[in-house]
Amino acid sequence: MYPFTNCQTGKLGIAPSCGIAVPPLIRPITKTLSAAALLASPFYASQERLDPLSVHLVNPSDNSFGTAVITPRWLFVLAAATPAEAGDPILVDESLEQIVPESIHPGDIVGISVHTGNALRGYQVGRMARARGAWVVYGGIHATLFPEEALERGEGHAVVKGDGDIAWGKVVADCVAGRPEKIYEGGRIEGSQFLAARWDLMDPAKYMWASVQTIRGCPKHCSFCSVWRTDGQKPRQRKFQSVIDEIVTLRRLGFRFIALADDNFYPVTFTDLRLAREQGNTAKLEELTAIRAERLQLMDELAKLPKDMVFFTQMTMEAGEDGSYLDAMRRANIKGCLVGVEAVTPEGLKAVFKDWNYSGEALAKQLQTFKKHGVHVLGSFIFGLPTDRPATFDATVAMAMKAGVTFAQFVMMTPFPGTVDFGRWEKEQSTHPTMVGDVPITRYWMIPTEVRPKMFTPHPTMSSDEIRERTQKVWDKFYTWGAIWERSACTPNLKSRIAFIFLSKLYRQMYAGTGISTDSARRKKSKRWAKWTARQCKKLFEARPMPELKGPEWELGLPQLGQAAFHGGEMGGPFVVLPKN
C-alpha cells in the first residue's frame, strides 16, 4: 500500500491464528489472557461480547522521537480507504511512539506499510500481531517487490501490491469474512482515484508539517531509484481541486507548512516538449502540454490560499531551466524543493544514469537559478559511487556551499530493491554471496540494525569505514553553527531565523547522527538531542487554526474528503462495504 497501497461465512469470521470461529465485529470483555488461551477457554465461548473489532494501521520505525517532521501520508490515506462499517482505524506512527502489543486483539485487522529501511521492524510488528490473533496485511514499496518475503518472514496473511487506495476496502471486507486472499493487485490507479487523507484522525500536536500528494510516477530512470519501476514513468496527476480542498482542511486544523509529497513535481521538462515537437508526435505533445497546464493551474490556486502558508516539494534539476515554472512556484508559496544533485562530476552522474544533470560550474549556476527565482533547494548528494575518490567529499561540500543550497543531505550509496543498481549487484553476488551471519548481504534489510553494515557494495579504492567517516565529516562541515547562521539570513524575521536554525540541527541529528554513526553511544546521544530539538521545533512551526477558512466553490462537484465510494450506492468491484450482522 503506497504512500501508500471469497466465500461468505454469514455472521462468523475465522480467527486468523488458530482457526476458531469468532464474530468478526465484536471483541471479548476479558483481555488479560493471551489470544490463544482466551480463544480456547470455555469462559470465552460463554461471555457476552461488547466491543467491535479494530482496524490498525501501523507505520513501523526503530526510532521514536515523540514528534515527527512530516506526517506519514499513507496512514491517513488508508484510513480514508477503510470502509465506514469497520469504524475509524487506530493509527500507530512508530516514529512518534512504539505500538502497544496489548492493543491488538483476536479478529483485529493490522495493516503495515513497509519500505526497505523499516521492513525488519515491520515484520516484527506483524509477527506480534499474528501471535495475538489478528489478521496481518502488508503493503508498501518493499512488500510490492517482495510479497513472498512479507508472507513468510513477516507471517502476513495478505499483501497489497501497488496502490492501496481502492484495494484496501476489499482487503478489510475479506478479512471480516474470514477469507483474505494472499495477494491483492492494487495496481497503478489513475490520479482521479487518489483519496484525500483522513486528517481528522491526526493529532496535530505531533507533527510539524502535513503532507499532500498531487502526482505519482516519474518519467526519469535513475539507476539508484525504484520509483519509475514501482510507480511508473507515466505521471498520474490528481485533480487540482481535490488537492486544494485537502490543503484547506489542513489549514483549518492549524497547519501552514505542507509538504507536497510527490515523486517529481516537475513531470514535464522543456526537453520533453521539444522532443515531442521534433518527432511530430502531436498526441504526446498535447498530453504533455495538458499535464503542464494542470500543474500551473494548481499553482495558481495555491497562490490564492492564506499568505502565511509554506509549501515544499521535490523535483529534478531541469526545472532550473524553466524560469516561468519557478516563478509560478514562488507565487504559490512553494518556498523550497529537494533536488537530486547526486554527484558533482560528469563521471559520477554517468554512473547513476543521470548524465542529463549539470556538473562543475554549470551545476553551481543551475542551483543558484532556483534561489534567484525565490525557490530554496535541499540538495541531495550520494557518496560511495565507483568514481568517488577522497577528494570528492571536500569538493562536494564546497560545491553545495558555493551553489547556495539552503539545506543538504549526504547519503551513502545504497542499492535499493527495484533499482538498476540493485539488480546489477544481486547478479554479481549470486555465485558467492557475502554473508552477515546467516543472511546474504543482498538481503541486508533482514540483518539486525546493530550489526548491519552501513555500506553494502565494495568500492574500488576506499573502504566502507573510510566512506562513512568522510560522509559524517561532510555533514558536520555543512551544518556548523556558523554555516547555518549564514544560510538563515534567507528568512524574513527573527522567529523564522530561529526556526531555520533549529530545523537545520534537527535534520542533521535525525539523518546523520542516528543513521550514519556505528557507535551506539553516539546514536543514543543523537536520539536524545533529536527528541529535545524536535519538541522545540514543533513550537516554532505552530500556527493558529483557521476553522473559519472557506474553500473555493468548484463548478464541478467533487467527492467529499475521505469518503471514497464506500457508502453503498450502485458501485461494485473494489468499492465494497462490509457485511452487516
Protein backbone atom coordinates (compact mmCIF):
# COMPACT_ATOMS: atom_id res chain seq x y z
CA MET A 1 0.00 0.00 0.00
CA TYR A 2 1.67 3.14 -1.13
CA PRO A 3 2.08 6.45 0.49
CA PHE A 4 0.88 4.50 0.04
CA THR A 5 -1.09 0.95 -1.26
CA ASN A 6 -14.43 -15.04 -1.28
CA CYS A 7 -16.94 -17.19 0.21
CA GLN A 8 -19.36 -15.81 2.73
CA THR A 9 -19.46 -17.23 6.23
CA GLY A 10 -22.60 -15.48 7.42
CA LYS A 11 -22.08 -13.73 10.73
CA LEU A 12 -18.95 -15.66 11.63
CA GLY A 13 -15.34 -14.96 10.77
CA ILE A 14 -12.24 -17.07 11.38
CA ALA A 15 -9.68 -16.05 14.00
CA PRO A 16 -6.58 -15.84 11.80
CA SER A 17 -4.04 -17.54 14.06
CA CYS A 18 -5.93 -20.59 15.26
CA GLY A 19 -8.92 -21.24 13.03
CA ILE A 20 -11.54 -20.82 15.79
CA ALA A 21 -14.79 -19.19 14.72
CA VAL A 22 -15.34 -15.76 16.30
CA PRO A 23 -17.81 -13.00 15.47
CA PRO A 24 -15.94 -10.59 13.16
CA LEU A 25 -17.20 -7.29 14.52
CA ILE A 26 -17.02 -7.99 18.25
CA ARG A 27 -14.34 -8.42 20.87
CA PRO A 28 -14.39 -10.25 24.24
CA ILE A 29 -14.69 -8.37 27.52
CA THR A 30 -11.78 -10.27 29.05
CA LYS A 31 -8.41 -9.08 27.68
CA THR A 32 -5.96 -10.37 30.28
CA LEU A 33 -5.36 -13.84 28.81
CA SER A 34 -3.17 -14.48 25.79
CA ALA A 35 -5.01 -14.66 22.47
CA ALA A 36 -4.62 -18.44 22.20
CA ALA A 37 -5.61 -19.12 25.82
CA LEU A 38 -8.56 -16.74 25.57
CA LEU A 39 -9.93 -18.34 22.43
CA ALA A 40 -9.54 -21.85 23.87
CA SER A 41 -11.24 -21.10 27.19
CA PRO A 42 -14.86 -22.08 27.92
CA PHE A 43 -15.24 -18.64 29.53
CA TYR A 44 -14.65 -17.00 26.15
CA ALA A 45 -17.37 -19.03 24.46
CA SER A 46 -19.98 -18.20 27.09
CA GLN A 47 -19.42 -14.47 27.62
CA GLU A 48 -21.34 -11.63 26.02
CA ARG A 49 -19.21 -9.67 23.59
CA LEU A 50 -19.44 -5.90 23.53
CA ASP A 51 -16.54 -4.20 21.77
CA PRO A 52 -16.14 -4.08 17.95
CA LEU A 53 -13.02 -5.32 16.22
CA SER A 54 -10.45 -2.70 15.31
CA VAL A 55 -8.54 -1.91 12.16
CA HIS A 56 -4.97 -0.87 12.99
CA LEU A 57 -2.65 0.88 10.53
CA VAL A 58 0.99 0.83 11.60
CA ASN A 59 3.91 2.89 10.32
CA PRO A 60 6.87 0.87 11.69
CA SER A 61 10.08 2.51 12.91
CA ASP A 62 13.04 1.60 15.12
CA ASN A 63 13.43 5.22 16.19
CA SER A 64 10.69 7.07 18.08
CA PHE A 65 11.17 10.78 18.65
CA GLY A 66 7.81 11.79 20.15
CA THR A 67 7.47 14.48 17.46
CA ALA A 68 7.81 14.00 13.71
CA VAL A 69 8.75 16.45 10.99
CA ILE A 70 6.30 15.26 8.30
CA THR A 71 3.13 13.20 8.52
CA PRO A 72 3.36 9.65 7.06
CA ARG A 73 0.67 10.31 4.49
CA TRP A 74 -0.13 6.69 3.70
CA LEU A 75 -1.53 6.17 7.21
CA PHE A 76 -4.21 8.78 6.72
CA VAL A 77 -4.98 7.82 3.12
CA LEU A 78 -5.54 4.17 4.08
CA ALA A 79 -7.69 5.45 6.94
CA ALA A 80 -9.85 7.12 4.28
CA ALA A 81 -9.93 3.85 2.34
CA THR A 82 -11.16 1.90 5.38
CA PRO A 83 -14.89 1.16 4.97
CA ALA A 84 -17.06 3.17 7.36
CA GLU A 85 -18.68 -0.02 8.65
CA ALA A 86 -15.31 -1.01 10.16
CA GLY A 87 -15.20 2.17 12.23
CA ASP A 88 -12.34 4.62 12.45
CA PRO A 89 -9.00 2.81 12.26
CA ILE A 90 -6.41 3.06 15.03
CA LEU A 91 -3.33 4.80 13.61
CA VAL A 92 0.11 4.00 15.04
CA ASP A 93 3.11 6.01 13.86
CA GLU A 94 6.16 4.45 15.47
CA SER A 95 8.29 7.45 14.62
CA LEU A 96 6.30 9.01 17.47
CA GLU A 97 5.96 6.04 19.82
CA GLN A 98 6.07 2.26 19.63
CA ILE A 99 2.96 0.15 19.23
CA VAL A 100 1.46 -1.35 22.41
CA PRO A 101 1.01 -5.11 21.80
CA GLU A 102 -1.92 -5.28 24.24
CA SER A 103 -3.90 -3.00 21.92
CA ILE A 104 -4.14 -5.87 19.38
CA HIS A 105 -6.98 -8.35 19.91
CA PRO A 106 -8.19 -11.53 18.18
CA GLY A 107 -10.01 -10.77 14.96
CA ASP A 108 -8.46 -7.30 14.56
CA ILE A 109 -7.02 -6.29 11.19
CA VAL A 110 -3.47 -4.89 11.18
CA GLY A 111 -2.19 -3.12 8.05
CA ILE A 112 1.55 -2.47 7.92
CA SER A 113 3.28 -0.49 5.18
CA VAL A 114 6.96 -1.28 4.73
CA HIS A 115 9.79 0.18 2.73
CA THR A 116 13.22 -1.44 2.68
CA GLY A 117 14.53 0.64 5.58
CA ASN A 118 11.82 -0.40 8.04
CA ALA A 119 10.94 -3.88 6.72
CA LEU A 120 12.64 -5.74 9.58
CA ARG A 121 10.75 -3.74 12.21
CA GLY A 122 7.55 -4.09 10.20
CA TYR A 123 7.90 -7.87 10.18
CA GLN A 124 8.44 -7.86 13.95
CA VAL A 125 5.19 -5.94 14.39
CA GLY A 126 3.38 -8.30 12.02
CA ARG A 127 4.54 -11.44 13.81
CA MET A 128 3.48 -9.95 17.15
CA ALA A 129 0.04 -9.06 15.76
CA ARG A 130 -0.49 -12.51 14.28
CA ALA A 131 0.51 -14.18 17.55
CA ARG A 132 -2.22 -12.13 19.21
CA GLY A 133 -4.85 -13.43 16.80
CA ALA A 134 -5.06 -10.57 14.31
CA TRP A 135 -5.20 -10.58 10.55
CA VAL A 136 -1.90 -9.17 9.23
CA VAL A 137 -1.73 -7.36 5.88
CA TYR A 138 1.40 -5.83 4.36
CA GLY A 139 1.71 -3.14 1.72
CA GLY A 140 4.19 -0.51 0.58
CA ILE A 141 7.05 -0.49 -1.91
CA HIS A 142 9.04 -3.27 -0.26
CA ALA A 143 6.08 -5.63 0.10
CA THR A 144 5.19 -4.93 -3.52
CA LEU A 145 8.66 -6.04 -4.58
CA PHE A 146 8.96 -8.96 -2.13
CA PRO A 147 5.43 -10.22 -1.39
CA GLU A 148 6.54 -13.75 -0.52
CA GLU A 149 9.04 -12.41 2.00
CA ALA A 150 6.31 -10.42 3.75
CA LEU A 151 4.08 -13.51 3.86
CA GLU A 152 6.83 -15.79 5.16
CA ARG A 153 9.19 -13.69 7.27
CA GLY A 154 6.50 -11.25 8.37
CA GLU A 155 3.90 -14.02 8.81
CA GLY A 156 1.38 -11.98 6.87
CA HIS A 157 -1.97 -13.28 5.76
CA ALA A 158 -2.07 -10.97 2.74
CA VAL A 159 -0.05 -8.46 0.73
CA VAL A 160 -1.33 -5.49 -1.26
CA LYS A 161 0.89 -4.80 -4.26
CA GLY A 162 0.86 -1.30 -5.70
CA ASP A 163 -1.62 1.41 -4.75
CA GLY A 164 -3.83 0.71 -1.75
CA ASP A 165 -6.41 3.49 -2.19
CA ILE A 166 -9.00 1.15 -3.70
CA ALA A 167 -7.71 -2.33 -2.82
CA TRP A 168 -7.73 -1.75 0.95
CA GLY A 169 -11.53 -1.71 1.17
CA LYS A 170 -11.74 -5.20 -0.32
CA VAL A 171 -8.96 -6.45 1.98
CA VAL A 172 -10.87 -5.32 5.06
CA ALA A 173 -14.10 -6.91 3.82
CA ASP A 174 -12.34 -10.20 3.05
CA CYS A 175 -10.67 -10.31 6.46
CA VAL A 176 -14.02 -9.71 8.16
CA ALA A 177 -15.48 -12.54 6.08
CA GLY A 178 -12.61 -14.71 7.30
CA ARG A 179 -11.03 -15.47 3.91
CA PRO A 180 -8.50 -12.91 2.73
CA GLU A 181 -6.61 -13.58 -0.49
CA LYS A 182 -2.83 -13.85 -0.29
CA ILE A 183 -2.12 -11.23 -2.96
CA TYR A 184 -4.15 -8.15 -3.90
CA GLU A 185 -3.14 -6.32 -7.04
CA GLY A 186 -3.65 -2.63 -6.23
CA GLY A 187 -2.00 -1.66 -9.50
CA ARG A 188 -1.45 1.95 -10.52
CA ILE A 189 -4.70 3.81 -10.18
CA GLU A 190 -5.49 6.99 -12.06
CA GLY A 191 -4.93 10.38 -10.45
CA SER A 192 -8.68 10.97 -10.29
CA GLN A 193 -8.93 7.95 -7.94
CA PHE A 194 -6.38 9.20 -5.38
CA LEU A 195 -8.00 9.55 -1.98
CA ALA A 196 -7.75 12.56 0.26
CA ALA A 197 -6.42 11.73 3.72
CA ARG A 198 -8.44 11.43 6.94
CA TRP A 199 -6.73 14.31 8.74
CA ASP A 200 -9.47 14.35 11.35
CA LEU A 201 -7.76 11.27 12.83
CA MET A 202 -4.41 13.04 13.27
CA ASP A 203 -3.07 14.64 16.45
CA PRO A 204 -1.80 17.99 15.09
CA ALA A 205 0.42 18.44 18.13
CA LYS A 206 2.68 15.60 16.97
CA TYR A 207 3.72 16.87 13.53
CA MET A 208 5.48 19.97 12.23
CA TRP A 209 4.50 19.57 8.58
CA ALA A 210 1.48 17.93 6.95
CA SER A 211 1.73 16.22 3.56
CA VAL A 212 -0.42 16.24 0.44
CA GLN A 213 0.20 14.34 -2.78
CA THR A 214 -0.51 15.88 -6.17
CA ILE A 215 1.11 13.39 -8.58
CA ARG A 216 2.62 9.88 -8.68
CA GLY A 217 5.25 8.49 -11.02
CA CYS A 218 8.44 9.88 -12.53
CA PRO A 219 9.46 9.87 -16.21
CA LYS A 220 13.18 9.59 -15.35
CA HIS A 221 15.11 6.33 -14.95
CA CYS A 222 17.86 6.97 -12.39
CA SER A 223 19.78 3.80 -11.58
CA PHE A 224 19.52 4.24 -7.79
CA CYS A 225 15.76 4.93 -7.69
CA SER A 226 12.86 2.46 -7.78
CA VAL A 227 10.03 4.98 -8.23
CA TRP A 228 9.96 4.76 -12.01
CA ARG A 229 9.60 0.99 -11.77
CA THR A 230 7.07 0.80 -8.92
CA ASP A 231 5.01 3.96 -9.52
CA GLY A 232 5.65 4.04 -13.26
CA GLN A 233 7.12 6.61 -15.63
CA LYS A 234 3.74 7.98 -16.68
CA PRO A 235 2.76 10.92 -14.43
CA ARG A 236 -0.59 10.24 -12.75
CA GLN A 237 -1.88 13.64 -11.77
CA ARG A 238 -4.52 14.28 -9.14
CA LYS A 239 -7.20 16.86 -9.89
CA PHE A 240 -6.05 20.21 -8.53
CA GLN A 241 -9.47 20.89 -6.99
CA SER A 242 -9.10 17.86 -4.72
CA VAL A 243 -5.60 18.95 -3.73
CA ILE A 244 -6.74 22.45 -2.80
CA ASP A 245 -9.70 21.14 -0.79
CA GLU A 246 -7.38 18.93 1.24
CA ILE A 247 -4.95 21.76 1.89
CA VAL A 248 -7.78 23.99 3.07
CA THR A 249 -8.75 21.25 5.53
CA LEU A 250 -5.20 21.18 6.89
CA ARG A 251 -5.01 24.96 7.28
CA ARG A 252 -8.24 24.88 9.24
CA LEU A 253 -6.52 22.44 11.61
CA GLY A 254 -3.58 24.79 12.12
CA PHE A 255 -1.04 23.54 9.55
CA ARG A 256 0.58 26.20 7.44
CA PHE A 257 3.68 24.16 6.50
CA ILE A 258 2.81 21.44 3.99
CA ALA A 259 5.00 19.05 2.01
CA LEU A 260 3.77 18.28 -1.50
CA ALA A 261 4.85 14.64 -1.27
CA ASP A 262 5.30 13.93 -4.97
CA ASP A 263 7.72 11.68 -6.83
CA ASN A 264 8.54 14.58 -9.15
CA PHE A 265 6.71 17.92 -9.01
CA TYR A 266 8.19 18.84 -12.41
CA PRO A 267 6.95 15.97 -14.62
CA VAL A 268 7.24 17.77 -17.98
CA THR A 269 10.50 19.42 -19.00
CA PHE A 270 11.33 21.76 -21.87
CA THR A 271 13.31 18.86 -23.36
CA ASP A 272 10.24 16.60 -23.27
CA LEU A 273 8.19 19.20 -25.12
CA ARG A 274 10.94 19.88 -27.66
CA LEU A 275 11.40 16.18 -28.47
CA ALA A 276 7.66 15.67 -28.95
CA ARG A 277 7.61 18.60 -31.40
CA GLU A 278 10.67 17.40 -33.30
CA GLN A 279 9.22 13.90 -33.60
CA GLY A 280 5.92 15.27 -34.86
CA ASN A 281 4.15 13.37 -32.08
CA THR A 282 1.04 15.53 -31.77
CA ALA A 283 -0.74 13.25 -29.30
CA LYS A 284 2.27 13.17 -26.98
CA LEU A 285 2.73 16.92 -27.24
CA GLU A 286 -0.93 17.52 -26.33
CA GLU A 287 -0.65 15.12 -23.36
CA LEU A 288 2.48 16.81 -22.02
CA THR A 289 1.05 20.28 -22.55
CA ALA A 290 -2.09 19.32 -20.64
CA ILE A 291 -0.04 17.98 -17.72
CA ARG A 292 1.99 21.17 -17.58
CA ALA A 293 -1.14 23.34 -17.79
CA GLU A 294 -2.70 21.43 -14.88
CA ARG A 295 0.49 21.97 -12.83
CA LEU A 296 0.33 25.70 -13.47
CA GLN A 297 -3.38 25.79 -12.66
CA LEU A 298 -2.68 24.06 -9.34
CA MET A 299 -0.08 26.68 -8.50
CA ASP A 300 -2.46 29.49 -9.46
CA GLU A 301 -4.93 28.13 -6.89
CA LEU A 302 -2.22 27.64 -4.26
CA ALA A 303 -1.37 31.33 -4.65
CA LYS A 304 -4.92 32.23 -3.54
CA LEU A 305 -4.57 30.45 -0.18
CA PRO A 306 -3.61 32.31 3.03
CA LYS A 307 -0.28 34.04 2.53
CA ASP A 308 1.25 32.53 5.67
CA MET A 309 1.28 29.06 4.09
CA VAL A 310 4.58 27.46 3.10
CA PHE A 311 4.96 24.51 0.74
CA PHE A 312 7.90 22.22 0.00
CA THR A 313 8.29 19.53 -2.67
CA GLN A 314 10.86 17.58 -4.72
CA MET A 315 11.76 17.78 -8.38
CA THR A 316 14.56 17.33 -10.89
CA MET A 317 17.23 19.92 -11.58
CA GLU A 318 15.89 20.52 -15.08
CA ALA A 319 13.31 22.86 -13.53
CA GLY A 320 16.16 25.35 -13.24
CA GLU A 321 15.82 25.90 -17.00
CA ASP A 322 12.17 26.83 -16.62
CA GLY A 323 12.04 30.29 -15.10
CA SER A 324 8.30 30.70 -15.61
CA TYR A 325 7.64 27.47 -13.69
CA LEU A 326 9.89 28.55 -10.81
CA ASP A 327 8.14 31.93 -10.73
CA ALA A 328 4.79 30.16 -10.51
CA MET A 329 6.16 28.13 -7.60
CA ARG A 330 7.25 31.30 -5.81
CA ARG A 331 3.82 32.89 -6.25
CA ALA A 332 2.27 29.67 -4.93
CA ASN A 333 4.41 29.93 -1.78
CA ILE A 334 6.33 26.77 -2.68
CA LYS A 335 9.39 28.02 -0.85
CA GLY A 336 11.69 25.07 -1.38
CA CYS A 337 12.30 21.74 -3.07
CA LEU A 338 14.54 18.72 -2.77
CA VAL A 339 16.69 18.44 -5.88
CA GLY A 340 18.64 15.28 -6.59
CA VAL A 341 22.14 16.55 -7.42
CA GLU A 342 23.67 13.12 -6.62
CA ALA A 343 27.21 13.86 -7.90
CA VAL A 344 29.29 16.92 -8.79
CA THR A 345 31.35 15.28 -11.56
CA PRO A 346 30.33 14.08 -15.05
CA GLU A 347 31.73 10.63 -14.22
CA GLY A 348 29.60 10.34 -11.10
CA LEU A 349 26.44 11.41 -12.92
CA LYS A 350 27.05 8.89 -15.68
CA ALA A 351 27.44 6.15 -13.05
CA VAL A 352 23.87 6.74 -11.82
CA PHE A 353 22.27 7.18 -15.28
CA LYS A 354 21.80 10.88 -14.60
CA ASP A 355 24.18 12.44 -17.10
CA TRP A 356 21.46 14.93 -18.08
CA ASN A 357 22.25 16.70 -14.80
CA TYR A 358 24.78 19.54 -14.63
CA SER A 359 28.24 19.32 -13.08
CA GLY A 360 31.03 21.72 -12.17
CA GLU A 361 30.41 25.44 -12.63
CA ALA A 362 27.25 24.78 -14.64
CA LEU A 363 25.88 22.87 -11.64
CA ALA A 364 26.52 25.78 -9.27
CA LYS A 365 24.88 28.20 -11.71
CA GLN A 366 21.83 25.94 -12.19
CA LEU A 367 21.28 25.59 -8.44
CA GLN A 368 21.68 29.33 -7.95
CA THR A 369 18.92 29.85 -10.53
CA PHE A 370 16.37 28.28 -8.18
CA LYS A 371 17.30 30.73 -5.46
CA LYS A 372 17.16 33.71 -7.83
CA HIS A 373 13.56 32.80 -8.56
CA GLY A 374 12.74 32.54 -4.86
CA VAL A 375 12.84 28.74 -4.51
CA HIS A 376 15.26 27.31 -1.95
CA VAL A 377 16.99 23.99 -2.58
CA LEU A 378 17.60 20.98 -0.38
CA GLY A 379 20.39 19.36 -2.36
CA SER A 380 20.72 15.59 -2.19
CA PHE A 381 24.19 14.10 -2.75
CA ILE A 382 25.34 10.46 -2.92
CA PHE A 383 28.70 9.18 -1.71
CA GLY A 384 30.23 5.81 -2.47
CA LEU A 385 29.86 5.87 -6.26
CA PRO A 386 32.57 3.88 -8.09
CA THR A 387 34.01 7.13 -9.45
CA ASP A 388 34.35 8.76 -6.00
CA ARG A 389 37.78 9.46 -4.56
CA PRO A 390 38.83 11.03 -1.22
CA ALA A 391 38.86 14.48 -2.85
CA THR A 392 35.22 14.04 -3.91
CA PHE A 393 33.94 14.67 -0.38
CA ASP A 394 35.56 18.09 0.06
CA ALA A 395 34.65 19.04 -3.49
CA THR A 396 31.01 18.14 -2.87
CA VAL A 397 30.56 20.14 0.32
CA ALA A 398 32.41 23.07 -1.28
CA MET A 399 30.06 22.93 -4.27
CA ALA A 400 26.99 22.75 -2.02
CA MET A 401 28.09 25.88 -0.15
CA LYS A 402 29.15 27.71 -3.30
CA ALA A 403 25.85 26.96 -5.04
CA GLY A 404 23.97 28.38 -2.06
CA VAL A 405 21.76 25.38 -1.34
CA THR A 406 19.76 26.13 1.79
CA PHE A 407 19.75 22.56 3.10
CA ALA A 408 21.66 19.47 2.04
CA GLN A 409 21.66 15.75 2.70
CA PHE A 410 24.61 13.46 2.09
CA VAL A 411 23.74 9.78 1.78
CA MET A 412 25.89 6.74 1.25
CA MET A 413 25.23 4.65 -1.84
CA THR A 414 22.60 2.02 -1.05
CA PRO A 415 21.35 -0.47 -3.67
CA PHE A 416 17.60 -0.38 -3.06
CA PRO A 417 15.43 -3.25 -4.33
CA GLY A 418 13.70 -2.49 -7.59
CA THR A 419 16.57 -0.35 -8.87
CA VAL A 420 19.01 -0.96 -11.69
CA ASP A 421 21.87 -0.79 -9.17
CA PHE A 422 20.31 -3.49 -7.01
CA GLY A 423 19.69 -5.83 -9.92
CA ARG A 424 23.27 -5.49 -11.09
CA TRP A 425 24.65 -6.03 -7.57
CA GLU A 426 22.39 -9.01 -6.85
CA LYS A 427 23.57 -10.66 -10.05
CA GLU A 428 27.22 -10.10 -9.08
CA GLN A 429 26.57 -11.68 -5.67
CA SER A 430 24.58 -14.65 -6.97
CA THR A 431 27.51 -17.11 -7.19
CA HIS A 432 29.38 -16.43 -3.95
CA PRO A 433 27.23 -14.14 -1.81
CA THR A 434 28.76 -12.23 1.09
CA MET A 435 27.12 -13.36 4.33
CA VAL A 436 26.46 -11.47 7.57
CA GLY A 437 25.68 -14.27 9.98
CA ASP A 438 23.21 -16.41 8.07
CA VAL A 439 21.83 -13.55 5.95
CA PRO A 440 23.18 -12.83 2.44
CA ILE A 441 24.26 -9.21 2.05
CA THR A 442 21.75 -8.83 -0.81
CA ARG A 443 19.04 -9.14 1.86
CA TYR A 444 20.67 -6.55 4.10
CA TRP A 445 17.34 -5.26 5.41
CA MET A 446 16.93 -8.59 7.23
CA ILE A 447 20.17 -8.03 9.16
CA PRO A 448 19.62 -6.64 12.70
CA THR A 449 20.38 -2.92 12.72
CA GLU A 450 23.07 -3.21 15.40
CA VAL A 451 25.25 -5.38 13.13
CA ARG A 452 24.04 -4.19 9.73
CA PRO A 453 26.82 -2.71 7.57
CA LYS A 454 26.50 0.95 6.60
CA MET A 455 27.58 0.16 3.05
CA PHE A 456 26.94 -2.97 1.04
CA THR A 457 28.73 -2.70 -2.29
CA PRO A 458 32.54 -2.76 -2.32
CA HIS A 459 34.29 0.38 -3.53
CA PRO A 460 37.32 0.12 -5.85
CA THR A 461 39.56 2.49 -3.85
CA MET A 462 38.05 3.17 -0.40
CA SER A 463 36.83 1.04 2.49
CA SER A 464 33.29 1.30 3.81
CA ASP A 465 34.58 2.80 7.07
CA GLU A 466 36.50 5.48 5.18
CA ILE A 467 33.44 6.43 3.14
CA ARG A 468 31.27 6.51 6.26
CA GLU A 469 33.75 8.67 8.20
CA ARG A 470 34.23 11.09 5.32
CA THR A 471 30.45 11.34 4.82
CA GLN A 472 30.00 12.14 8.51
CA LYS A 473 32.60 14.91 8.26
CA VAL A 474 30.75 16.42 5.30
CA TRP A 475 27.53 16.57 7.34
CA ASP A 476 29.45 18.15 10.22
CA LYS A 477 31.04 20.76 7.98
CA PHE A 478 27.85 21.77 6.18
CA TYR A 479 25.87 22.05 9.42
CA THR A 480 28.29 24.00 11.63
CA TRP A 481 26.63 26.74 13.67
CA GLY A 482 28.39 29.41 11.62
CA ALA A 483 27.31 27.98 8.27
CA ILE A 484 23.72 27.55 9.45
CA TRP A 485 23.60 31.12 10.77
CA GLU A 486 24.83 32.46 7.45
CA ARG A 487 22.22 30.48 5.49
CA SER A 488 19.45 31.52 7.89
CA ALA A 489 19.72 35.07 6.54
CA CYS A 490 17.23 33.99 3.86
CA THR A 491 14.39 34.08 6.42
CA PRO A 492 12.07 37.12 6.77
CA ASN A 493 12.16 37.61 10.54
CA LEU A 494 13.83 36.56 13.80
CA LYS A 495 11.29 33.84 14.65
CA SER A 496 11.76 32.30 11.22
CA ARG A 497 15.51 32.51 11.58
CA ILE A 498 15.41 30.66 14.90
CA ALA A 499 13.13 28.04 13.36
CA PHE A 500 15.58 27.65 10.48
CA ILE A 501 18.49 27.07 12.87
CA PHE A 502 16.61 24.52 14.97
CA LEU A 503 15.34 22.68 11.89
CA SER A 504 18.85 22.53 10.41
CA LYS A 505 20.23 20.97 13.57
CA LEU A 506 17.28 18.61 13.86
CA TYR A 507 17.71 17.47 10.28
CA ARG A 508 21.39 16.82 10.85
CA GLN A 509 20.76 14.87 14.08
CA MET A 510 17.92 12.76 12.72
CA TYR A 511 19.52 11.79 9.45
CA ALA A 512 23.25 11.87 10.11
CA GLY A 513 23.69 11.33 13.84
CA THR A 514 21.27 8.40 14.08
CA GLY A 515 21.78 6.92 10.63
CA ILE A 516 25.44 7.04 9.72
CA SER A 517 27.17 6.51 13.05
CA THR A 518 28.17 2.97 14.00
CA ASP A 519 28.87 3.97 17.60
CA SER A 520 25.89 3.04 19.80
CA ALA A 521 26.67 5.72 22.39
CA ARG A 522 26.74 8.39 19.69
CA ARG A 523 23.46 7.14 18.24
CA LYS A 524 21.77 7.25 21.65
CA LYS A 525 23.08 10.76 22.28
CA SER A 526 21.87 11.85 18.83
CA LYS A 527 18.40 10.43 19.53
CA ARG A 528 18.13 12.27 22.84
CA TRP A 529 19.26 15.52 21.22
CA ALA A 530 16.90 14.99 18.29
CA LYS A 531 13.92 14.39 20.60
CA TRP A 532 14.60 17.61 22.52
CA THR A 533 15.21 19.61 19.35
CA ALA A 534 12.05 18.23 17.75
CA ARG A 535 9.92 19.48 20.65
CA GLN A 536 11.38 22.96 20.36
CA CYS A 537 10.98 22.99 16.58
CA LYS A 538 7.32 21.99 16.82
CA LYS A 539 6.59 25.13 18.84
CA LEU A 540 8.15 27.28 16.15
CA PHE A 541 6.05 25.71 13.39
CA GLU A 542 2.73 26.00 15.20
CA ALA A 543 0.08 28.23 13.66
CA ARG A 544 -3.34 29.42 14.73
CA PRO A 545 -6.06 27.11 13.40
CA MET A 546 -8.39 28.74 10.88
CA PRO A 547 -11.70 26.83 11.21
CA GLU A 548 -13.44 29.75 9.51
CA LEU A 549 -11.36 29.39 6.31
CA LYS A 550 -13.60 28.87 3.31
CA GLY A 551 -12.51 26.75 0.39
CA PRO A 552 -13.16 27.51 -3.28
CA GLU A 553 -16.51 26.60 -4.79
CA TRP A 554 -15.77 24.48 -7.84
CA GLU A 555 -18.01 24.29 -10.85
CA LEU A 556 -17.93 20.51 -10.82
CA GLY A 557 -18.72 18.80 -7.52
CA LEU A 558 -16.05 16.52 -6.06
CA PRO A 559 -16.45 13.60 -3.61
CA GLN A 560 -16.36 14.67 0.00
CA LEU A 561 -12.92 14.33 1.57
CA GLY A 562 -12.11 10.85 2.79
CA GLN A 563 -15.40 9.28 1.73
CA ALA A 564 -14.27 7.43 -1.43
CA ALA A 565 -17.25 5.32 -2.51
CA PHE A 566 -17.69 3.01 0.43
CA HIS A 567 -21.17 4.10 1.44
CA GLY A 568 -23.10 1.92 -0.89
CA GLY A 569 -24.84 3.20 -3.96
CA GLU A 570 -24.61 1.01 -7.04
CA MET A 571 -20.83 0.89 -7.15
CA GLY A 572 -19.40 -2.62 -7.39
CA GLY A 573 -15.97 -4.19 -7.75
CA PRO A 574 -13.49 -2.77 -5.27
CA PHE A 575 -15.99 -0.29 -3.82
CA VAL A 576 -17.26 -2.76 -1.25
CA VAL A 577 -18.94 -2.43 2.10
CA LEU A 578 -18.56 -4.83 4.99
CA PRO A 579 -21.23 -7.50 5.51
CA LYS A 580 -23.68 -6.41 8.18
CA ASN A 581 -24.52 -8.59 11.17
